[in-house]
Amino acid sequence: LGLILFFCSSSLLPLLTDPMIADFKACGGMI
């Protein structure tokens, strides 16, 4: 599962901004 999530997310990296990644981390931090 970890490998699937890793490779799926890395393919989306060019579409992301720094604030989007920061908010993603914050949401993960709450969980």
PDB file of all heavy atoms in Angstrom:
ATOM      1  N   LEU A   1       0.833  -1.207   0.000  1.00  0.00           N
ATOM      2  CA  LEU A   1       0.000   0.000   0.000  1.00  0.00           C
ATOM      3  C   LEU A   1       0.866   1.254   0.000  1.00  0.00           C
ATOM      4  O   LEU A   1       0.591   2.214  -0.727  1.00  0.00           O
ATOM      5  CB  LEU A   1      -0.919  -0.001   1.219  1.00  0.00           C
ATOM      6  CG  LEU A   1      -1.803   1.246   1.381  1.00  0.00           C
ATOM      7  CD1 LEU A   1      -2.796   1.348   0.233  1.00  0.00           C
ATOM      8  CD2 LEU A   1      -2.540   1.226   2.716  1.00  0.00           C
ATOM      9  N   GLY A   2       1.926   1.254   0.805  1.00  0.00           N
ATOM     10  CA  GLY A   2       2.802   2.416   0.866  1.00  0.00           C
ATOM     11  C   GLY A   2       3.448   2.735  -0.462  1.00  0.00           C
ATOM     12  O   GLY A   2       3.540   3.907  -0.864  1.00  0.00           O
ATOM     13  N   LEU A   3       3.885   1.712  -1.198  1.00  0.00           N
ATOM     14  CA  LEU A   3       4.506   1.932  -2.504  1.00  0.00           C
ATOM     15  C   LEU A   3       3.499   2.484  -3.509  1.00  0.00           C
ATOM     16  O   LEU A   3       3.821   3.375  -4.313  1.00  0.00           O
ATOM     17  CB  LEU A   3       5.112   0.626  -3.025  1.00  0.00           C
ATOM     18  CG  LEU A   3       6.343   0.112  -2.272  1.00  0.00           C
ATOM     19  CD1 LEU A   3       6.751  -1.261  -2.790  1.00  0.00           C
ATOM     20  CD2 LEU A   3       7.513   1.093  -2.426  1.00  0.00           C
ATOM     21  N   ILE A   4       2.276   1.961  -3.473  1.00  0.00           N
ATOM     22  CA  ILE A   4       1.230   2.460  -4.383  1.00  0.00           C
ATOM     23  C   ILE A   4       0.965   3.943  -4.119  1.00  0.00           C
ATOM     24  O   ILE A   4       0.916   4.765  -5.056  1.00  0.00           O
ATOM     25  CB  ILE A   4      -0.064   1.640  -4.210  1.00  0.00           C
ATOM     26  CG1 ILE A   4       0.137   0.215  -4.724  1.00  0.00           C
ATOM     27  CG2 ILE A   4      -1.228   2.313  -4.960  1.00  0.00           C
ATOM     28  CD1 ILE A   4      -1.024  -0.712  -4.418  1.00  0.00           C
ATOM     29  N   LEU A   5       0.802   4.307  -2.852  1.00  0.00           N
ATOM     30  CA  LEU A   5       0.536   5.700  -2.501  1.00  0.00           C
ATOM     31  C   LEU A   5       1.719   6.593  -2.857  1.00  0.00           C
ATOM     32  O   LEU A   5       1.536   7.717  -3.349  1.00  0.00           O
ATOM     33  CB  LEU A   5       0.231   5.812  -1.002  1.00  0.00           C
ATOM     34  CG  LEU A   5      -1.064   5.163  -0.528  1.00  0.00           C
ATOM     35  CD1 LEU A   5      -1.148   5.186   0.999  1.00  0.00           C
ATOM     36  CD2 LEU A   5      -2.273   5.858  -1.120  1.00  0.00           C
ATOM     37  N   PHE A   6       2.926   6.110  -2.625  1.00  0.00           N
ATOM     38  CA  PHE A   6       4.125   6.904  -2.907  1.00  0.00           C
ATOM     39  C   PHE A   6       4.221   7.240  -4.395  1.00  0.00           C
ATOM     40  O   PHE A   6       4.404   8.405  -4.764  1.00  0.00           O
ATOM     41  CB  PHE A   6       5.372   6.139  -2.462  1.00  0.00           C
ATOM     42  CG  PHE A   6       6.670   6.826  -2.821  1.00  0.00           C
ATOM     43  CD1 PHE A   6       7.214   7.770  -1.970  1.00  0.00           C
ATOM     44  CD2 PHE A   6       7.327   6.529  -4.004  1.00  0.00           C
ATOM     45  CE1 PHE A   6       8.399   8.413  -2.303  1.00  0.00           C
ATOM     46  CE2 PHE A   6       8.505   7.162  -4.347  1.00  0.00           C
ATOM     47  CZ  PHE A   6       9.058   8.108  -3.496  1.00  0.00           C
ATOM     48  N   PHE A   7       4.094   6.236  -5.247  1.00  0.00           N
ATOM     49  CA  PHE A   7       4.281   6.475  -6.674  1.00  0.00           C
ATOM     50  C   PHE A   7       3.114   7.253  -7.286  1.00  0.00           C
ATOM     51  O   PHE A   7       3.304   8.034  -8.221  1.00  0.00           O
ATOM     52  CB  PHE A   7       4.499   5.154  -7.400  1.00  0.00           C
ATOM     53  CG  PHE A   7       5.851   4.548  -7.142  1.00  0.00           C
ATOM     54  CD1 PHE A   7       5.978   3.354  -6.458  1.00  0.00           C
ATOM     55  CD2 PHE A   7       7.001   5.192  -7.576  1.00  0.00           C
ATOM     56  CE1 PHE A   7       7.223   2.805  -6.203  1.00  0.00           C
ATOM     57  CE2 PHE A   7       8.264   4.649  -7.323  1.00  0.00           C
ATOM     58  CZ  PHE A   7       8.372   3.458  -6.637  1.00  0.00           C
ATOM     59  N   CYS A   8       1.909   7.069  -6.752  1.00  0.00           N
ATOM     60  CA  CYS A   8       0.768   7.860  -7.237  1.00  0.00           C
ATOM     61  C   CYS A   8       0.936   9.331  -6.868  1.00  0.00           C
ATOM     62  O   CYS A   8       0.664  10.218  -7.687  1.00  0.00           O
ATOM     63  CB  CYS A   8      -0.535   7.321  -6.651  1.00  0.00           C
ATOM     64  SG  CYS A   8      -1.090   5.751  -7.350  1.00  0.00           S
ATOM     65  N   SER A   9       1.390   9.597  -5.639  1.00  0.00           N
ATOM     66  CA  SER A   9       1.531  10.979  -5.200  1.00  0.00           C
ATOM     67  C   SER A   9       2.693  11.687  -5.884  1.00  0.00           C
ATOM     68  O   SER A   9       2.587  12.874  -6.223  1.00  0.00           O
ATOM     69  CB  SER A   9       1.719  11.032  -3.678  1.00  0.00           C
ATOM     70  OG  SER A   9       2.906  10.359  -3.298  1.00  0.00           O
ATOM     71  N   SER A  10       3.799  10.984  -6.116  1.00  0.00           N
ATOM     72  CA  SER A  10       4.954  11.628  -6.741  1.00  0.00           C
ATOM     73  C   SER A  10       4.648  12.070  -8.165  1.00  0.00           C
ATOM     74  O   SER A  10       5.210  13.053  -8.654  1.00  0.00           O
ATOM     75  CB  SER A  10       6.164  10.675  -6.729  1.00  0.00           C
ATOM     76  OG  SER A  10       5.871   9.474  -7.420  1.00  0.00           O
ATOM     77  N   SER A  11       3.733  11.383  -8.843  1.00  0.00           N
ATOM     78  CA  SER A  11       3.366  11.771 -10.207  1.00  0.00           C
ATOM     79  C   SER A  11       2.555  13.064 -10.231  1.00  0.00           C
ATOM     80  O   SER A  11       2.472  13.731 -11.265  1.00  0.00           O
ATOM     81  CB  SER A  11       2.570  10.641 -10.877  1.00  0.00           C
ATOM     82  OG  SER A  11       1.331  10.442 -10.217  1.00  0.00           O
ATOM     83  N   LEU A  12       1.953  13.433  -9.084  1.00  0.00           N
ATOM     84  CA  LEU A  12       1.144  14.655  -8.998  1.00  0.00           C
ATOM     85  C   LEU A  12       1.963  15.865  -8.566  1.00  0.00           C
ATOM     86  O   LEU A  12       1.455  16.997  -8.606  1.00  0.00           O
ATOM     87  CB  LEU A  12      -0.005  14.461  -8.000  1.00  0.00           C
ATOM     88  CG  LEU A  12      -1.040  13.393  -8.335  1.00  0.00           C
ATOM     89  CD1 LEU A  12      -2.012  13.249  -7.169  1.00  0.00           C
ATOM     90  CD2 LEU A  12      -1.788  13.751  -9.608  1.00  0.00           C
ATOM     91  N   LEU A  13       3.219  15.675  -8.174  1.00  0.00           N
ATOM     92  CA  LEU A  13       4.022  16.738  -7.597  1.00  0.00           C
ATOM     93  C   LEU A  13       4.117  17.989  -8.465  1.00  0.00           C
ATOM     94  O   LEU A  13       4.043  19.113  -7.941  1.00  0.00           O
ATOM     95  CB  LEU A  13       5.419  16.203  -7.262  1.00  0.00           C
ATOM     96  CG  LEU A  13       6.358  17.152  -6.516  1.00  0.00           C
ATOM     97  CD1 LEU A  13       5.726  17.565  -5.189  1.00  0.00           C
ATOM     98  CD2 LEU A  13       7.715  16.492  -6.289  1.00  0.00           C
ATOM     99  N   PRO A  14       4.289  17.872  -9.812  1.00  0.00           N
ATOM    100  CA  PRO A  14       4.399  19.098 -10.628  1.00  0.00           C
ATOM    101  C   PRO A  14       3.160  19.986 -10.593  1.00  0.00           C
ATOM    102  O   PRO A  14       3.231  21.164 -10.968  1.00  0.00           O
ATOM    103  CB  PRO A  14       4.624  18.539 -12.043  1.00  0.00           C
ATOM    104  CG  PRO A  14       5.193  17.180 -11.842  1.00  0.00           C
ATOM    105  CD  PRO A  14       4.515  16.661 -10.616  1.00  0.00           C
ATOM    106  N   LEU A  15       2.010  19.452 -10.155  1.00  0.00           N
ATOM    107  CA  LEU A  15       0.765  20.217 -10.151  1.00  0.00           C
ATOM    108  C   LEU A  15       0.558  20.975  -8.838  1.00  0.00           C
ATOM    109  O   LEU A  15      -0.401  21.740  -8.716  1.00  0.00           O
ATOM    110  CB  LEU A  15      -0.424  19.279 -10.378  1.00  0.00           C
ATOM    111  CG  LEU A  15      -0.385  18.405 -11.640  1.00  0.00           C
ATOM    112  CD1 LEU A  15      -1.585  17.465 -11.660  1.00  0.00           C
ATOM    113  CD2 LEU A  15      -0.355  19.271 -12.893  1.00  0.00           C
ATOM    114  N   LEU A  16       1.438  20.782  -7.872  1.00  0.00           N
ATOM    115  CA  LEU A  16       1.203  21.302  -6.528  1.00  0.00           C
ATOM    116  C   LEU A  16       2.006  22.571  -6.247  1.00  0.00           C
ATOM    117  O   LEU A  16       3.085  22.772  -6.810  1.00  0.00           O
ATOM    118  CB  LEU A  16       1.561  20.232  -5.492  1.00  0.00           C
ATOM    119  CG  LEU A  16       0.888  18.878  -5.669  1.00  0.00           C
ATOM    120  CD1 LEU A  16       1.363  17.917  -4.587  1.00  0.00           C
ATOM    121  CD2 LEU A  16      -0.621  19.017  -5.632  1.00  0.00           C
ATOM    122  N   THR A  17       1.448  23.410  -5.376  1.00  0.00           N
ATOM    123  CA  THR A  17       2.142  24.602  -4.901  1.00  0.00           C
ATOM    124  C   THR A  17       2.599  24.381  -3.464  1.00  0.00           C
ATOM    125  O   THR A  17       2.124  23.469  -2.778  1.00  0.00           O
ATOM    126  CB  THR A  17       1.220  25.830  -4.960  1.00  0.00           C
ATOM    127  OG1 THR A  17       0.104  25.621  -4.065  1.00  0.00           O
ATOM    128  CG2 THR A  17       0.678  26.031  -6.373  1.00  0.00           C
ATOM    129  N   ASP A  18       3.494  25.247  -3.001  1.00  0.00           N
ATOM    130  CA  ASP A  18       3.996  25.120  -1.630  1.00  0.00           C
ATOM    131  C   ASP A  18       2.875  25.248  -0.592  1.00  0.00           C
ATOM    132  O   ASP A  18       2.852  24.466   0.377  1.00  0.00           O
ATOM    133  CB  ASP A  18       5.083  26.162  -1.371  1.00  0.00           C
ATOM    134  CG  ASP A  18       6.377  25.839  -2.110  1.00  0.00           C
ATOM    135  OD1 ASP A  18       6.554  24.662  -2.500  1.00  0.00           O
ATOM    136  OD2 ASP A  18       7.199  26.756  -2.305  1.00  0.00           O
ATOM    137  N   PRO A  19       1.933  26.214  -0.738  1.00  0.00           N
ATOM    138  CA  PRO A  19       0.836  26.281   0.245  1.00  0.00           C
ATOM    139  C   PRO A  19      -0.029  25.021   0.252  1.00  0.00           C
ATOM    140  O   PRO A  19      -0.489  24.592   1.319  1.00  0.00           O
ATOM    141  CB  PRO A  19       0.024  27.498  -0.220  1.00  0.00           C
ATOM    142  CG  PRO A  19       1.000  28.353  -0.943  1.00  0.00           C
ATOM    143  CD  PRO A  19       1.913  27.388  -1.635  1.00  0.00           C
ATOM    144  N   MET A  20      -0.257  24.403  -0.902  1.00  0.00           N
ATOM    145  CA  MET A  20      -1.054  23.182  -0.962  1.00  0.00           C
ATOM    146  C   MET A  20      -0.366  22.053  -0.211  1.00  0.00           C
ATOM    147  O   MET A  20      -1.002  21.304   0.546  1.00  0.00           O
ATOM    148  CB  MET A  20      -1.299  22.778  -2.426  1.00  0.00           C
ATOM    149  CG  MET A  20      -2.223  23.727  -3.175  1.00  0.00           C
ATOM    150  SD  MET A  20      -2.224  23.432  -4.968  1.00  0.00           S
ATOM    151  CE  MET A  20      -2.988  21.816  -5.051  1.00  0.00           C
ATOM    152  N   ILE A  21       0.949  21.935  -0.383  1.00  0.00           N
ATOM    153  CA  ILE A  21       1.701  20.891   0.316  1.00  0.00           C
ATOM    154  C   ILE A  21       1.717  21.161   1.818  1.00  0.00           C
ATOM    155  O   ILE A  21       1.577  20.240   2.637  1.00  0.00           O
ATOM    156  CB  ILE A  21       3.135  20.799  -0.236  1.00  0.00           C
ATOM    157  CG1 ILE A  21       3.104  20.317  -1.696  1.00  0.00           C
ATOM    158  CG2 ILE A  21       3.988  19.858   0.605  1.00  0.00           C
ATOM    159  CD1 ILE A  21       4.460  20.278  -2.363  1.00  0.00           C
ATOM    160  N   ALA A  22       1.866  22.438   2.212  1.00  0.00           N
ATOM    161  CA  ALA A  22       1.867  22.789   3.629  1.00  0.00           C
ATOM    162  C   ALA A  22       0.529  22.448   4.276  1.00  0.00           C
ATOM    163  O   ALA A  22       0.484  21.921   5.401  1.00  0.00           O
ATOM    164  CB  ALA A  22       2.170  24.281   3.789  1.00  0.00           C
ATOM    165  N   ASP A  23      -0.571  22.724   3.571  1.00  0.00           N
ATOM    166  CA  ASP A  23      -1.893  22.412   4.116  1.00  0.00           C
ATOM    167  C   ASP A  23      -2.125  20.911   4.166  1.00  0.00           C
ATOM    168  O   ASP A  23      -2.789  20.397   5.078  1.00  0.00           O
ATOM    169  CB  ASP A  23      -2.983  23.099   3.277  1.00  0.00           C
ATOM    170  CG  ASP A  23      -3.011  24.606   3.494  1.00  0.00           C
ATOM    171  OD1 ASP A  23      -2.459  25.064   4.503  1.00  0.00           O
ATOM    172  OD2 ASP A  23      -3.576  25.313   2.651  1.00  0.00           O
ATOM    173  N   PHE A  24      -1.584  20.193   3.187  1.00  0.00           N
ATOM    174  CA  PHE A  24      -1.680  18.734   3.207  1.00  0.00           C
ATOM    175  C   PHE A  24      -0.977  18.172   4.437  1.00  0.00           C
ATOM    176  O   PHE A  24      -1.500  17.297   5.138  1.00  0.00           O
ATOM    177  CB  PHE A  24      -1.066  18.149   1.938  1.00  0.00           C
ATOM    178  CG  PHE A  24      -0.939  16.648   1.940  1.00  0.00           C
ATOM    179  CD1 PHE A  24      -2.036  15.858   1.654  1.00  0.00           C
ATOM    180  CD2 PHE A  24       0.268  16.046   2.241  1.00  0.00           C
ATOM    181  CE1 PHE A  24      -1.927  14.470   1.677  1.00  0.00           C
ATOM    182  CE2 PHE A  24       0.386  14.664   2.258  1.00  0.00           C
ATOM    183  CZ  PHE A  24      -0.719  13.880   1.976  1.00  0.00           C
ATOM    184  N   LYS A  25       0.213  18.707   4.731  1.00  0.00           N
ATOM    185  CA  LYS A  25       0.955  18.255   5.908  1.00  0.00           C
ATOM    186  C   LYS A  25       0.195  18.581   7.185  1.00  0.00           C
ATOM    187  O   LYS A  25       0.150  17.773   8.124  1.00  0.00           O
ATOM    188  CB  LYS A  25       2.338  18.906   5.934  1.00  0.00           C
ATOM    189  CG  LYS A  25       3.296  18.396   4.866  1.00  0.00           C
ATOM    190  CD  LYS A  25       4.658  19.039   5.013  1.00  0.00           C
ATOM    191  CE  LYS A  25       5.651  18.474   4.007  1.00  0.00           C
ATOM    192  NZ  LYS A  25       7.002  19.063   4.165  1.00  0.00           N
ATOM    193  N   ALA A  26      -0.404  19.770   7.242  1.00  0.00           N
ATOM    194  CA  ALA A  26      -1.154  20.164   8.428  1.00  0.00           C
ATOM    195  C   ALA A  26      -2.354  19.257   8.652  1.00  0.00           C
ATOM    196  O   ALA A  26      -2.651  18.867   9.791  1.00  0.00           O
ATOM    197  CB  ALA A  26      -1.612  21.618   8.303  1.00  0.00           C
ATOM    198  N   CYS A  27      -3.046  18.905   7.569  1.00  0.00           N
ATOM    199  CA  CYS A  27      -4.188  18.000   7.674  1.00  0.00           C
ATOM    200  C   CYS A  27      -3.721  16.627   8.152  1.00  0.00           C
ATOM    201  O   CYS A  27      -4.342  16.023   9.037  1.00  0.00           O
ATOM    202  CB  CYS A  27      -4.889  17.898   6.318  1.00  0.00           C
ATOM    203  SG  CYS A  27      -6.402  16.913   6.338  1.00  0.00           S
ATOM    204  N   GLY A  28      -2.629  16.155   7.590  1.00  0.00           N
ATOM    205  CA  GLY A  28      -2.064  14.887   8.056  1.00  0.00           C
ATOM    206  C   GLY A  28      -1.626  14.966   9.506  1.00  0.00           C
ATOM    207  O   GLY A  28      -1.738  13.994  10.254  1.00  0.00           O
ATOM    208  N   GLY A  29      -1.140  16.139   9.926  1.00  0.00           N
ATOM    209  CA  GLY A  29      -0.757  16.324  11.313  1.00  0.00           C
ATOM    210  C   GLY A  29      -1.936  16.211  12.255  1.00  0.00           C
ATOM    211  O   GLY A  29      -1.824  15.631  13.346  1.00  0.00           O
ATOM    212  N   MET A  30      -3.095  16.744  11.839  1.00  0.00           N
ATOM    213  CA  MET A  30      -4.298  16.626  12.667  1.00  0.00           C
ATOM    214  C   MET A  30      -4.735  15.171  12.801  1.00  0.00           C
ATOM    215  O   MET A  30      -5.131  14.719  13.881  1.00  0.00           O
ATOM    216  CB  MET A  30      -5.430  17.467  12.063  1.00  0.00           C
ATOM    217  CG  MET A  30      -5.193  18.955  12.141  1.00  0.00           C
ATOM    218  SD  MET A  30      -6.578  19.908  11.462  1.00  0.00           S
ATOM    219  CE  MET A  30      -5.974  21.583  11.710  1.00  0.00           C
ATOM    220  N   ILE A  31      -4.651  14.426  11.704  1.00  0.00           N
ATOM    221  CA  ILE A  31      -5.011  13.008  11.747  1.00  0.00           C
ATOM    222  C   ILE A  31      -4.023  12.238  12.620  1.00  0.00           C
ATOM    223  O   ILE A  31      -4.411  11.363  13.406  1.00  0.00           O
ATOM    224  CB  ILE A  31      -5.057  12.425  10.320  1.00  0.00           C
ATOM    225  CG1 ILE A  31      -6.189  13.082   9.526  1.00  0.00           C
ATOM    226  CG2 ILE A  31      -5.246  10.901  10.356  1.00  0.00           C
ATOM    227  CD1 ILE A  31      -6.253  12.674   8.074  1.00  0.00           C
TER     228      ILE A  31
END
